[in-house]
Amino acid sequence: MFPVAGNFALLLAVVFGAAFGWLLHRGRVTDYDTIINQFRLRDFTVLKVMVTAIVVGGIGVFVLVQLGGAQLHVRDANMLGTIAGAAIFGVGMVLYGYCPGTGLAAVGTGSVHALVGVLGMLIGAIAYALSFDWVRDNVLSVWKLGPMTLSDVTGLPPVAILFALAVAAVGAFGALEWSDLERA
């Protein structure tokens, strides 16, 4: 329904990538202190940006699938791999002060220390690729639940999950804003 191919698709990728980086910068999540203060529970900008992106992205994917513009390809739920990956990601984010997206966007703003971290991410990606056979056999095969979605686990339709997530996000944002006003 939405065929996009060739050079136009590449152009769209650059445009959307630049817009994403600009939005990250405008949201202050390319600032090292903003991310570190999230972990110090002093600034919840990162949480607000991420939850907003999850809700908007989820709604966007849902609409595209419903309109026939995209297909879902559900991957295996590899719980040990997910937990190990999340732990490595979290430690890396605390030490680096950026996630991969905000790190690249910070490089775009001229941050040299973010560039050093991006080089580290590339080295890590190469190491993962070189060790993938071992990871697949020894990590991803443990606690493998097969392809499943949150709808499969809960029995709720995707639209109900998106609605609940959006309501929870608005409630959490309201609570965070209220607590900020109370502290001021």
C-alpha atoms as a PDB file:
ATOM      1  CA  MET A   1       0.000   0.000   0.000  1.00  0.00           C
ATOM      2  CA  PHE A   2       2.942   2.351   0.699  1.00  0.00           C
ATOM      3  CA  PRO A   3       5.646   1.252  -1.766  1.00  0.00           C
ATOM      4  CA  VAL A   4       8.902   3.158  -1.274  1.00  0.00           C
ATOM      5  CA  ALA A   5      12.057   1.887  -2.926  1.00  0.00           C
ATOM      6  CA  GLY A   6      15.399   2.824  -4.388  1.00  0.00           C
ATOM      7  CA  ASN A   7      16.956   6.235  -3.981  1.00  0.00           C
ATOM      8  CA  PHE A   8      13.774   7.741  -2.578  1.00  0.00           C
ATOM      9  CA  ALA A   9      13.894   5.235   0.301  1.00  0.00           C
ATOM     10  CA  LEU A  10      17.505   6.223   0.986  1.00  0.00           C
ATOM     11  CA  LEU A  11      16.553   9.888   0.932  1.00  0.00           C
ATOM     12  CA  LEU A  12      13.701   9.221   3.357  1.00  0.00           C
ATOM     13  CA  ALA A  13      16.101   7.362   5.668  1.00  0.00           C
ATOM     14  CA  VAL A  14      18.436  10.366   5.757  1.00  0.00           C
ATOM     15  CA  VAL A  15      15.572  12.828   6.299  1.00  0.00           C
ATOM     16  CA  PHE A  16      13.968  10.770   9.075  1.00  0.00           C
ATOM     17  CA  GLY A  17      17.371  10.080  10.655  1.00  0.00           C
ATOM     18  CA  ALA A  18      18.209  13.781  10.702  1.00  0.00           C
ATOM     19  CA  ALA A  19      14.764  14.602  12.121  1.00  0.00           C
ATOM     20  CA  PHE A  20      15.222  11.951  14.810  1.00  0.00           C
ATOM     21  CA  GLY A  21      18.630  13.371  15.780  1.00  0.00           C
ATOM     22  CA  TRP A  22      17.245  16.907  15.835  1.00  0.00           C
ATOM     23  CA  LEU A  23      14.345  15.802  18.064  1.00  0.00           C
ATOM     24  CA  LEU A  24      16.746  14.037  20.431  1.00  0.00           C
ATOM     25  CA  HIS A  25      18.800  17.236  20.627  1.00  0.00           C
ATOM     26  CA  ARG A  26      15.708  19.397  21.173  1.00  0.00           C
ATOM     27  CA  GLY A  27      14.591  16.966  23.879  1.00  0.00           C
ATOM     28  CA  ARG A  28      17.978  17.507  25.625  1.00  0.00           C
ATOM     29  CA  VAL A  29      18.819  13.798  25.559  1.00  0.00           C
ATOM     30  CA  THR A  30      22.049  14.435  23.656  1.00  0.00           C
ATOM     31  CA  ASP A  31      23.291  16.168  26.820  1.00  0.00           C
ATOM     32  CA  TYR A  32      25.470  13.927  28.981  1.00  0.00           C
ATOM     33  CA  ASP A  33      24.200  15.530  32.195  1.00  0.00           C
ATOM     34  CA  THR A  34      20.551  14.889  31.275  1.00  0.00           C
ATOM     35  CA  ILE A  35      21.195  11.175  30.878  1.00  0.00           C
ATOM     36  CA  ILE A  36      23.359  10.846  33.976  1.00  0.00           C
ATOM     37  CA  ASN A  37      20.774  12.749  36.022  1.00  0.00           C
ATOM     38  CA  GLN A  38      18.144  10.240  34.871  1.00  0.00           C
ATOM     39  CA  PHE A  39      20.170   7.515  36.585  1.00  0.00           C
ATOM     40  CA  ARG A  40      20.571   9.770  39.624  1.00  0.00           C
ATOM     41  CA  LEU A  41      16.740  10.165  39.658  1.00  0.00           C
ATOM     42  CA  ARG A  42      17.058  13.951  39.364  1.00  0.00           C
ATOM     43  CA  ASP A  43      15.880  14.543  35.787  1.00  0.00           C
ATOM     44  CA  PHE A  44      13.254  12.351  34.108  1.00  0.00           C
ATOM     45  CA  THR A  45      13.612  13.836  30.623  1.00  0.00           C
ATOM     46  CA  VAL A  46      15.056  10.579  29.235  1.00  0.00           C
ATOM     47  CA  LEU A  47      12.167   8.553  30.664  1.00  0.00           C
ATOM     48  CA  LYS A  48       9.632  10.976  29.193  1.00  0.00           C
ATOM     49  CA  VAL A  49      11.275  10.955  25.759  1.00  0.00           C
ATOM     50  CA  MET A  50      11.622   7.147  25.677  1.00  0.00           C
ATOM     51  CA  VAL A  51       8.078   6.421  26.846  1.00  0.00           C
ATOM     52  CA  THR A  52       6.712   8.965  24.373  1.00  0.00           C
ATOM     53  CA  ALA A  53       8.723   7.312  21.583  1.00  0.00           C
ATOM     54  CA  ILE A  54       7.456   3.864  22.602  1.00  0.00           C
ATOM     55  CA  VAL A  55       3.812   4.970  22.658  1.00  0.00           C
ATOM     56  CA  VAL A  56       3.986   6.964  19.406  1.00  0.00           C
ATOM     57  CA  GLY A  57       6.040   4.251  17.684  1.00  0.00           C
ATOM     58  CA  GLY A  58       3.688   1.533  18.897  1.00  0.00           C
ATOM     59  CA  ILE A  59       0.654   3.401  17.620  1.00  0.00           C
ATOM     60  CA  GLY A  60       2.423   4.112  14.329  1.00  0.00           C
ATOM     61  CA  VAL A  61       3.355   0.455  13.793  1.00  0.00           C
ATOM     62  CA  PHE A  62      -0.156  -0.653  14.764  1.00  0.00           C
ATOM     63  CA  VAL A  63      -1.721   1.744  12.242  1.00  0.00           C
ATOM     64  CA  LEU A  64       0.723   0.745   9.488  1.00  0.00           C
ATOM     65  CA  VAL A  65      -0.010  -2.946  10.056  1.00  0.00           C
ATOM     66  CA  GLN A  66      -3.761  -2.328  10.085  1.00  0.00           C
ATOM     67  CA  LEU A  67      -3.541  -0.343   6.823  1.00  0.00           C
ATOM     68  CA  GLY A  68      -1.368  -2.993   5.174  1.00  0.00           C
ATOM     69  CA  GLY A  69       1.690  -0.739   5.013  1.00  0.00           C
ATOM     70  CA  ALA A  70       3.808  -3.061   7.172  1.00  0.00           C
ATOM     71  CA  GLN A  71       3.915  -6.634   8.405  1.00  0.00           C
ATOM     72  CA  LEU A  72       4.912  -7.796  11.852  1.00  0.00           C
ATOM     73  CA  HIS A  73       7.746 -10.294  12.009  1.00  0.00           C
ATOM     74  CA  VAL A  74       7.700 -11.505  15.598  1.00  0.00           C
ATOM     75  CA  ARG A  75      11.071 -12.774  16.822  1.00  0.00           C
ATOM     76  CA  ASP A  76      11.750 -15.450  19.422  1.00  0.00           C
ATOM     77  CA  ALA A  77      11.531 -14.280  23.022  1.00  0.00           C
ATOM     78  CA  ASN A  78      14.997 -15.267  24.237  1.00  0.00           C
ATOM     79  CA  MET A  79      14.757 -14.297  27.883  1.00  0.00           C
ATOM     80  CA  LEU A  80      18.368 -14.996  28.942  1.00  0.00           C
ATOM     81  CA  GLY A  81      19.641 -13.054  25.941  1.00  0.00           C
ATOM     82  CA  THR A  82      17.258 -10.196  26.708  1.00  0.00           C
ATOM     83  CA  ILE A  83      18.286 -10.021  30.368  1.00  0.00           C
ATOM     84  CA  ALA A  84      22.014 -10.256  29.561  1.00  0.00           C
ATOM     85  CA  GLY A  85      21.700  -7.701  26.766  1.00  0.00           C
ATOM     86  CA  ALA A  86      19.716  -5.311  28.959  1.00  0.00           C
ATOM     87  CA  ALA A  87      22.321  -5.583  31.723  1.00  0.00           C
ATOM     88  CA  ILE A  88      25.195  -4.904  29.313  1.00  0.00           C
ATOM     89  CA  PHE A  89      23.248  -2.044  27.719  1.00  0.00           C
ATOM     90  CA  GLY A  90      22.414  -0.511  31.117  1.00  0.00           C
ATOM     91  CA  VAL A  91      25.982  -0.685  32.425  1.00  0.00           C
ATOM     92  CA  GLY A  92      27.260   0.723  29.143  1.00  0.00           C
ATOM     93  CA  MET A  93      24.749   3.559  29.243  1.00  0.00           C
ATOM     94  CA  VAL A  94      25.679   4.492  32.800  1.00  0.00           C
ATOM     95  CA  LEU A  95      29.411   4.433  32.031  1.00  0.00           C
ATOM     96  CA  TYR A  96      29.116   6.147  28.636  1.00  0.00           C
ATOM     97  CA  GLY A  97      26.314   8.559  29.491  1.00  0.00           C
ATOM     98  CA  TYR A  98      24.452   7.917  26.252  1.00  0.00           C
ATOM     99  CA  CYS A  99      22.446   5.192  24.566  1.00  0.00           C
ATOM    100  CA  PRO A 100      23.393   4.397  20.953  1.00  0.00           C
ATOM    101  CA  GLY A 101      20.886   6.828  19.442  1.00  0.00           C
ATOM    102  CA  THR A 102      21.682   9.726  21.741  1.00  0.00           C
ATOM    103  CA  GLY A 103      25.409   8.990  21.391  1.00  0.00           C
ATOM    104  CA  LEU A 104      25.223   9.304  17.601  1.00  0.00           C
ATOM    105  CA  ALA A 105      23.095  12.438  17.899  1.00  0.00           C
ATOM    106  CA  ALA A 106      25.626  13.912  20.356  1.00  0.00           C
ATOM    107  CA  VAL A 107      28.395  13.214  17.818  1.00  0.00           C
ATOM    108  CA  GLY A 108      26.297  15.226  15.365  1.00  0.00           C
ATOM    109  CA  THR A 109      26.425  18.145  17.793  1.00  0.00           C
ATOM    110  CA  GLY A 110      30.236  17.930  17.896  1.00  0.00           C
ATOM    111  CA  SER A 111      30.753  15.948  21.103  1.00  0.00           C
ATOM    112  CA  VAL A 112      34.213  14.331  20.997  1.00  0.00           C
ATOM    113  CA  HIS A 113      33.630  12.134  24.069  1.00  0.00           C
ATOM    114  CA  ALA A 114      30.468  10.811  22.441  1.00  0.00           C
ATOM    115  CA  LEU A 115      32.559   9.946  19.360  1.00  0.00           C
ATOM    116  CA  VAL A 116      34.885   7.838  21.503  1.00  0.00           C
ATOM    117  CA  GLY A 117      31.840   5.963  22.802  1.00  0.00           C
ATOM    118  CA  VAL A 118      30.521   5.405  19.264  1.00  0.00           C
ATOM    119  CA  LEU A 119      33.873   3.834  18.356  1.00  0.00           C
ATOM    120  CA  GLY A 120      33.470   1.588  21.411  1.00  0.00           C
ATOM    121  CA  MET A 121      29.972   0.619  20.231  1.00  0.00           C
ATOM    122  CA  LEU A 122      31.367  -0.315  16.820  1.00  0.00           C
ATOM    123  CA  ILE A 123      34.054  -2.469  18.430  1.00  0.00           C
ATOM    124  CA  GLY A 124      31.386  -4.106  20.605  1.00  0.00           C
ATOM    125  CA  ALA A 125      29.195  -4.770  17.566  1.00  0.00           C
ATOM    126  CA  ILE A 126      32.118  -6.396  15.757  1.00  0.00           C
ATOM    127  CA  ALA A 127      32.918  -8.527  18.819  1.00  0.00           C
ATOM    128  CA  TYR A 128      29.265  -9.605  19.027  1.00  0.00           C
ATOM    129  CA  ALA A 129      29.178 -10.480  15.331  1.00  0.00           C
ATOM    130  CA  LEU A 130      32.376 -12.522  15.640  1.00  0.00           C
ATOM    131  CA  SER A 131      31.066 -14.381  18.700  1.00  0.00           C
ATOM    132  CA  PHE A 132      27.472 -14.770  17.486  1.00  0.00           C
ATOM    133  CA  ASP A 133      27.661 -18.529  16.868  1.00  0.00           C
ATOM    134  CA  TRP A 134      28.733 -19.077  20.492  1.00  0.00           C
ATOM    135  CA  VAL A 135      26.091 -16.624  21.800  1.00  0.00           C
ATOM    136  CA  ARG A 136      23.362 -18.305  19.728  1.00  0.00           C
ATOM    137  CA  ASP A 137      24.292 -21.782  20.985  1.00  0.00           C
ATOM    138  CA  ASN A 138      24.992 -20.911  24.645  1.00  0.00           C
ATOM    139  CA  VAL A 139      22.868 -17.880  25.481  1.00  0.00           C
ATOM    140  CA  LEU A 140      20.017 -17.465  23.005  1.00  0.00           C
ATOM    141  CA  SER A 141      19.068 -21.131  23.230  1.00  0.00           C
ATOM    142  CA  VAL A 142      18.540 -20.894  27.011  1.00  0.00           C
ATOM    143  CA  TRP A 143      15.061 -19.838  28.220  1.00  0.00           C
ATOM    144  CA  LYS A 144      13.845 -19.514  24.621  1.00  0.00           C
ATOM    145  CA  LEU A 145      10.077 -19.015  24.584  1.00  0.00           C
ATOM    146  CA  GLY A 146       9.574 -18.823  20.825  1.00  0.00           C
ATOM    147  CA  PRO A 147       7.876 -16.015  18.911  1.00  0.00           C
ATOM    148  CA  MET A 148       5.422 -14.136  21.126  1.00  0.00           C
ATOM    149  CA  THR A 149       4.056 -10.677  21.742  1.00  0.00           C
ATOM    150  CA  LEU A 150       2.657  -8.996  24.824  1.00  0.00           C
ATOM    151  CA  SER A 151      -0.790  -9.698  23.372  1.00  0.00           C
ATOM    152  CA  ASP A 152       0.059 -13.413  23.267  1.00  0.00           C
ATOM    153  CA  VAL A 153       1.108 -13.364  26.928  1.00  0.00           C
ATOM    154  CA  THR A 154      -1.808 -11.300  28.267  1.00  0.00           C
ATOM    155  CA  GLY A 155      -4.558 -12.330  25.853  1.00  0.00           C
ATOM    156  CA  LEU A 156      -5.402  -8.650  25.347  1.00  0.00           C
ATOM    157  CA  PRO A 157      -5.730  -7.148  21.875  1.00  0.00           C
ATOM    158  CA  PRO A 158      -2.845  -4.879  20.797  1.00  0.00           C
ATOM    159  CA  VAL A 159      -5.082  -1.790  20.770  1.00  0.00           C
ATOM    160  CA  ALA A 160      -5.939  -2.363  24.460  1.00  0.00           C
ATOM    161  CA  ILE A 161      -2.263  -2.688  25.358  1.00  0.00           C
ATOM    162  CA  LEU A 162      -1.429   0.519  23.458  1.00  0.00           C
ATOM    163  CA  PHE A 163      -4.303   2.337  25.155  1.00  0.00           C
ATOM    164  CA  ALA A 164      -3.186   1.123  28.614  1.00  0.00           C
ATOM    165  CA  LEU A 165       0.401   2.124  27.857  1.00  0.00           C
ATOM    166  CA  ALA A 166      -0.688   5.594  26.729  1.00  0.00           C
ATOM    167  CA  VAL A 167      -2.840   6.080  29.860  1.00  0.00           C
ATOM    168  CA  ALA A 168       0.009   4.873  32.079  1.00  0.00           C
ATOM    169  CA  ALA A 169       2.414   7.248  30.316  1.00  0.00           C
ATOM    170  CA  VAL A 170       0.126  10.246  30.798  1.00  0.00           C
ATOM    171  CA  GLY A 171      -0.372   9.277  34.450  1.00  0.00           C
ATOM    172  CA  ALA A 172       3.363   8.837  35.019  1.00  0.00           C
ATOM    173  CA  PHE A 173       4.146  12.145  33.299  1.00  0.00           C
ATOM    174  CA  GLY A 174       1.544  13.891  35.426  1.00  0.00           C
ATOM    175  CA  ALA A 175       2.964  12.369  38.607  1.00  0.00           C
ATOM    176  CA  LEU A 176       6.504  13.402  37.619  1.00  0.00           C
ATOM    177  CA  GLU A 177       5.408  16.956  36.842  1.00  0.00           C
ATOM    178  CA  TRP A 178       3.460  17.158  40.110  1.00  0.00           C
ATOM    179  CA  SER A 179       6.497  15.916  42.081  1.00  0.00           C
ATOM    180  CA  ASP A 180       8.683  18.503  40.295  1.00  0.00           C
ATOM    181  CA  LEU A 181       6.239  21.243  41.306  1.00  0.00           C
ATOM    182  CA  GLU A 182       6.233  19.975  44.888  1.00  0.00           C
ATOM    183  CA  ARG A 183      10.055  20.133  45.029  1.00  0.00           C
ATOM    184  CA  ALA A 184      10.178  23.662  43.587  1.00  0.00           C
END
